Amino acid sequence: MLCPICNGLEELSVQCRNCSGDADDCGPTLDYAGPYAPYEPNADDSCSMETMTFNPRCKHIVYCAKCDYTDEVTVSLWSSTRC
């Protein structure tokens, strides 16, 4: 399973929940877990995965510069056979 956003296979396009403006992807939430989180080994690969049996997902932080709102969105992971 891999995140199409983290791996550059798709671009994240999200509208802000607060003002409906365009929100920018700020990366997976895992990158914000601690000061050295992006450099530490991680069993979850490069994504912060919710381990759900039927629909594993990667959480991403998004930011709207228009209204200064930060939110979290989930991205469905692809199976490795899809690539």
N, C-alpha and C. Protein backbone atom coordinates (compact mmCIF):
# COMPACT_ATOMS: atom_id res chain seq x y z
N MET A 1 0.85 -1.18 0.00
CA MET A 1 0.00 0.00 0.00
C MET A 1 0.90 1.25 0.00
N LEU A 2 0.51 2.21 -0.82
CA LEU A 2 1.27 3.45 -0.86
C LEU A 2 0.35 4.64 -1.06
N CYS A 3 0.79 5.78 -0.56
CA CYS A 3 0.02 7.01 -0.68
C CYS A 3 0.37 7.67 -2.02
N PRO A 4 -0.62 7.91 -2.88
CA PRO A 4 -0.33 8.54 -4.17
C PRO A 4 0.15 9.98 -4.03
N ILE A 5 -0.19 10.64 -2.93
CA ILE A 5 0.24 12.02 -2.71
C ILE A 5 1.69 12.05 -2.24
N CYS A 6 2.01 11.24 -1.23
CA CYS A 6 3.38 11.19 -0.70
C CYS A 6 4.39 10.75 -1.76
N ASN A 7 3.94 9.92 -2.69
CA ASN A 7 4.83 9.38 -3.72
C ASN A 7 4.78 10.16 -5.02
N GLY A 8 4.10 11.30 -5.05
CA GLY A 8 4.07 12.18 -6.21
C GLY A 8 3.31 11.63 -7.40
N LEU A 9 2.42 10.68 -7.19
CA LEU A 9 1.65 10.10 -8.28
C LEU A 9 0.37 10.89 -8.58
N GLU A 10 -0.09 11.64 -7.60
CA GLU A 10 -1.26 12.50 -7.74
C GLU A 10 -1.01 13.78 -6.95
N GLU A 11 -1.77 14.81 -7.29
CA GLU A 11 -1.69 16.07 -6.56
C GLU A 11 -2.92 16.19 -5.67
N LEU A 12 -2.72 16.65 -4.45
CA LEU A 12 -3.84 16.80 -3.52
C LEU A 12 -4.56 18.11 -3.80
N SER A 13 -5.84 18.02 -4.11
CA SER A 13 -6.66 19.19 -4.40
C SER A 13 -7.81 19.19 -3.40
N VAL A 14 -7.76 20.15 -2.46
CA VAL A 14 -8.74 20.19 -1.37
C VAL A 14 -9.26 21.61 -1.20
N GLN A 15 -10.55 21.72 -0.94
CA GLN A 15 -11.13 23.01 -0.59
C GLN A 15 -11.15 23.16 0.92
N CYS A 16 -10.90 24.35 1.39
CA CYS A 16 -10.92 24.66 2.81
C CYS A 16 -12.33 24.48 3.36
N ARG A 17 -12.43 23.82 4.51
CA ARG A 17 -13.74 23.63 5.15
C ARG A 17 -14.28 24.93 5.73
N ASN A 18 -13.38 25.86 5.99
CA ASN A 18 -13.75 27.11 6.64
C ASN A 18 -14.29 28.15 5.65
N CYS A 19 -13.59 28.33 4.50
CA CYS A 19 -13.98 29.39 3.57
C CYS A 19 -14.17 28.91 2.13
N SER A 20 -13.97 27.63 1.86
CA SER A 20 -14.08 27.03 0.53
C SER A 20 -12.99 27.47 -0.45
N GLY A 21 -11.94 28.11 0.06
CA GLY A 21 -10.80 28.47 -0.78
C GLY A 21 -9.93 27.24 -1.02
N ASP A 22 -8.90 27.41 -1.84
CA ASP A 22 -7.97 26.31 -2.10
C ASP A 22 -7.04 26.12 -0.91
N ALA A 23 -6.91 24.87 -0.47
CA ALA A 23 -6.00 24.54 0.64
C ALA A 23 -4.78 23.84 0.07
N ASP A 24 -3.61 24.18 0.58
CA ASP A 24 -2.34 23.60 0.12
C ASP A 24 -1.94 22.41 0.97
N ASP A 25 -1.41 21.38 0.33
CA ASP A 25 -0.90 20.21 1.04
C ASP A 25 0.39 20.58 1.75
N CYS A 26 0.45 20.30 3.03
CA CYS A 26 1.66 20.57 3.83
C CYS A 26 2.38 19.29 4.21
N GLY A 27 1.96 18.17 3.62
CA GLY A 27 2.63 16.90 3.87
C GLY A 27 1.88 16.02 4.85
N PRO A 28 2.38 14.79 5.02
CA PRO A 28 1.74 13.85 5.93
C PRO A 28 1.89 14.29 7.38
N THR A 29 0.89 13.96 8.20
CA THR A 29 0.93 14.34 9.62
C THR A 29 2.12 13.73 10.32
N LEU A 30 2.62 12.63 9.83
CA LEU A 30 3.79 11.99 10.42
C LEU A 30 4.99 12.94 10.47
N ASP A 31 5.10 13.83 9.50
CA ASP A 31 6.21 14.79 9.47
C ASP A 31 6.16 15.77 10.63
N TYR A 32 5.00 15.90 11.27
CA TYR A 32 4.82 16.86 12.35
C TYR A 32 4.82 16.19 13.72
N ALA A 33 5.17 14.92 13.79
CA ALA A 33 5.10 14.16 15.04
C ALA A 33 6.19 14.55 16.03
N GLY A 34 7.30 15.05 15.59
CA GLY A 34 8.39 15.42 16.48
C GLY A 34 9.50 16.10 15.70
N PRO A 35 10.51 16.61 16.40
CA PRO A 35 11.56 17.37 15.71
C PRO A 35 12.37 16.55 14.70
N TYR A 36 12.50 15.25 14.91
CA TYR A 36 13.27 14.43 13.99
C TYR A 36 12.42 13.34 13.35
N ALA A 37 11.12 13.46 13.40
CA ALA A 37 10.21 12.44 12.90
C ALA A 37 10.46 12.03 11.45
N PRO A 38 10.74 12.96 10.52
CA PRO A 38 10.95 12.52 9.13
C PRO A 38 12.20 11.68 8.94
N TYR A 39 13.11 11.71 9.92
CA TYR A 39 14.38 11.02 9.77
C TYR A 39 14.47 9.73 10.57
N GLU A 40 13.45 9.43 11.36
CA GLU A 40 13.47 8.23 12.17
C GLU A 40 12.84 7.08 11.41
N PRO A 41 13.31 5.84 11.61
CA PRO A 41 12.69 4.70 10.95
C PRO A 41 11.22 4.59 11.36
N ASN A 42 10.41 4.17 10.41
CA ASN A 42 8.99 4.10 10.68
C ASN A 42 8.40 2.85 10.04
N ALA A 43 7.71 2.07 10.80
CA ALA A 43 7.11 0.83 10.29
C ALA A 43 5.96 1.12 9.34
N ASP A 44 5.40 2.33 9.37
CA ASP A 44 4.26 2.68 8.53
C ASP A 44 4.66 3.22 7.17
N ASP A 45 5.92 3.06 6.77
CA ASP A 45 6.40 3.56 5.49
C ASP A 45 6.49 5.08 5.56
N SER A 46 6.17 5.80 4.50
CA SER A 46 6.30 7.26 4.51
C SER A 46 5.00 7.95 4.88
N CYS A 47 3.99 7.21 5.24
CA CYS A 47 2.69 7.79 5.54
C CYS A 47 2.28 7.52 6.98
N SER A 48 1.43 8.38 7.48
CA SER A 48 0.78 8.14 8.75
C SER A 48 -0.49 7.36 8.43
N MET A 49 -0.44 6.07 8.60
CA MET A 49 -1.55 5.23 8.15
C MET A 49 -2.52 4.90 9.27
N GLU A 50 -3.79 4.97 8.94
CA GLU A 50 -4.81 4.43 9.81
C GLU A 50 -4.98 2.99 9.36
N THR A 51 -4.68 2.05 10.22
CA THR A 51 -4.75 0.66 9.79
C THR A 51 -6.17 0.14 9.91
N MET A 52 -6.93 0.38 8.87
CA MET A 52 -8.29 -0.13 8.79
C MET A 52 -8.27 -1.32 7.85
N THR A 53 -9.00 -2.32 8.17
CA THR A 53 -8.97 -3.56 7.41
C THR A 53 -9.28 -3.36 5.93
N PHE A 54 -10.30 -2.57 5.60
CA PHE A 54 -10.73 -2.47 4.22
C PHE A 54 -10.30 -1.19 3.52
N ASN A 55 -9.92 -0.16 4.23
CA ASN A 55 -9.58 1.10 3.58
C ASN A 55 -8.46 1.83 4.33
N PRO A 56 -7.21 1.38 4.18
CA PRO A 56 -6.11 2.10 4.85
C PRO A 56 -5.93 3.47 4.21
N ARG A 57 -5.59 4.46 5.05
CA ARG A 57 -5.48 5.84 4.57
C ARG A 57 -4.23 6.52 5.13
N CYS A 58 -3.83 7.59 4.48
CA CYS A 58 -2.71 8.42 4.90
C CYS A 58 -3.27 9.79 5.28
N LYS A 59 -2.92 10.29 6.44
CA LYS A 59 -3.40 11.61 6.88
C LYS A 59 -2.43 12.70 6.41
N HIS A 60 -2.99 13.78 5.86
CA HIS A 60 -2.20 14.92 5.41
C HIS A 60 -2.71 16.20 6.06
N ILE A 61 -1.79 17.12 6.33
CA ILE A 61 -2.13 18.45 6.83
C ILE A 61 -2.33 19.35 5.62
N VAL A 62 -3.40 20.14 5.63
CA VAL A 62 -3.63 21.13 4.58
C VAL A 62 -3.80 22.50 5.22
N TYR A 63 -3.38 23.54 4.48
CA TYR A 63 -3.43 24.91 5.00
C TYR A 63 -4.06 25.84 3.97
N CYS A 64 -4.98 26.66 4.43
CA CYS A 64 -5.61 27.67 3.59
C CYS A 64 -5.02 29.04 3.94
N ALA A 65 -4.30 29.63 3.00
CA ALA A 65 -3.69 30.94 3.23
C ALA A 65 -4.74 32.06 3.22
N LYS A 66 -5.86 31.83 2.56
CA LYS A 66 -6.92 32.84 2.46
C LYS A 66 -7.51 33.18 3.83
N CYS A 67 -7.76 32.14 4.66
CA CYS A 67 -8.38 32.38 5.97
C CYS A 67 -7.52 31.91 7.13
N ASP A 68 -6.28 31.47 6.84
CA ASP A 68 -5.33 31.02 7.86
C ASP A 68 -5.87 29.83 8.66
N TYR A 69 -6.44 28.86 7.96
CA TYR A 69 -7.05 27.69 8.59
C TYR A 69 -6.24 26.44 8.25
N THR A 70 -5.95 25.65 9.25
CA THR A 70 -5.23 24.38 9.07
C THR A 70 -6.18 23.23 9.38
N ASP A 71 -6.10 22.19 8.57
CA ASP A 71 -7.01 21.06 8.73
C ASP A 71 -6.24 19.77 8.41
N GLU A 72 -6.89 18.65 8.64
CA GLU A 72 -6.31 17.35 8.34
C GLU A 72 -7.27 16.61 7.40
N VAL A 73 -6.73 16.01 6.35
CA VAL A 73 -7.53 15.22 5.42
C VAL A 73 -6.94 13.83 5.30
N THR A 74 -7.75 12.89 4.87
CA THR A 74 -7.25 11.53 4.67
C THR A 74 -7.25 11.19 3.19
N VAL A 75 -6.23 10.46 2.79
CA VAL A 75 -6.06 10.04 1.41
C VAL A 75 -6.07 8.51 1.39
N SER A 76 -6.89 7.93 0.53
CA SER A 76 -6.92 6.47 0.40
C SER A 76 -5.62 5.98 -0.24
N LEU A 77 -5.07 4.91 0.32
CA LEU A 77 -3.84 4.35 -0.21
C LEU A 77 -4.13 3.46 -1.40
N TRP A 78 -3.17 3.36 -2.29
CA TRP A 78 -3.25 2.45 -3.43
C TRP A 78 -2.57 1.15 -3.09
N SER A 79 -3.07 0.08 -3.65
CA SER A 79 -2.37 -1.19 -3.51
C SER A 79 -1.18 -1.16 -4.45
N SER A 80 -0.14 -1.90 -4.15
CA SER A 80 1.07 -1.88 -4.97
C SER A 80 0.83 -2.45 -6.36
N THR A 81 -0.25 -3.18 -6.55
CA THR A 81 -0.56 -3.73 -7.88
C THR A 81 -1.13 -2.67 -8.81
N ARG A 82 -1.62 -1.56 -8.25
CA ARG A 82 -2.20 -0.48 -9.06
C ARG A 82 -1.12 0.31 -9.79
N CYS A 83 0.08 0.33 -9.25
CA CYS A 83 1.16 1.11 -9.84
C CYS A 83 1.64 0.43 -11.04
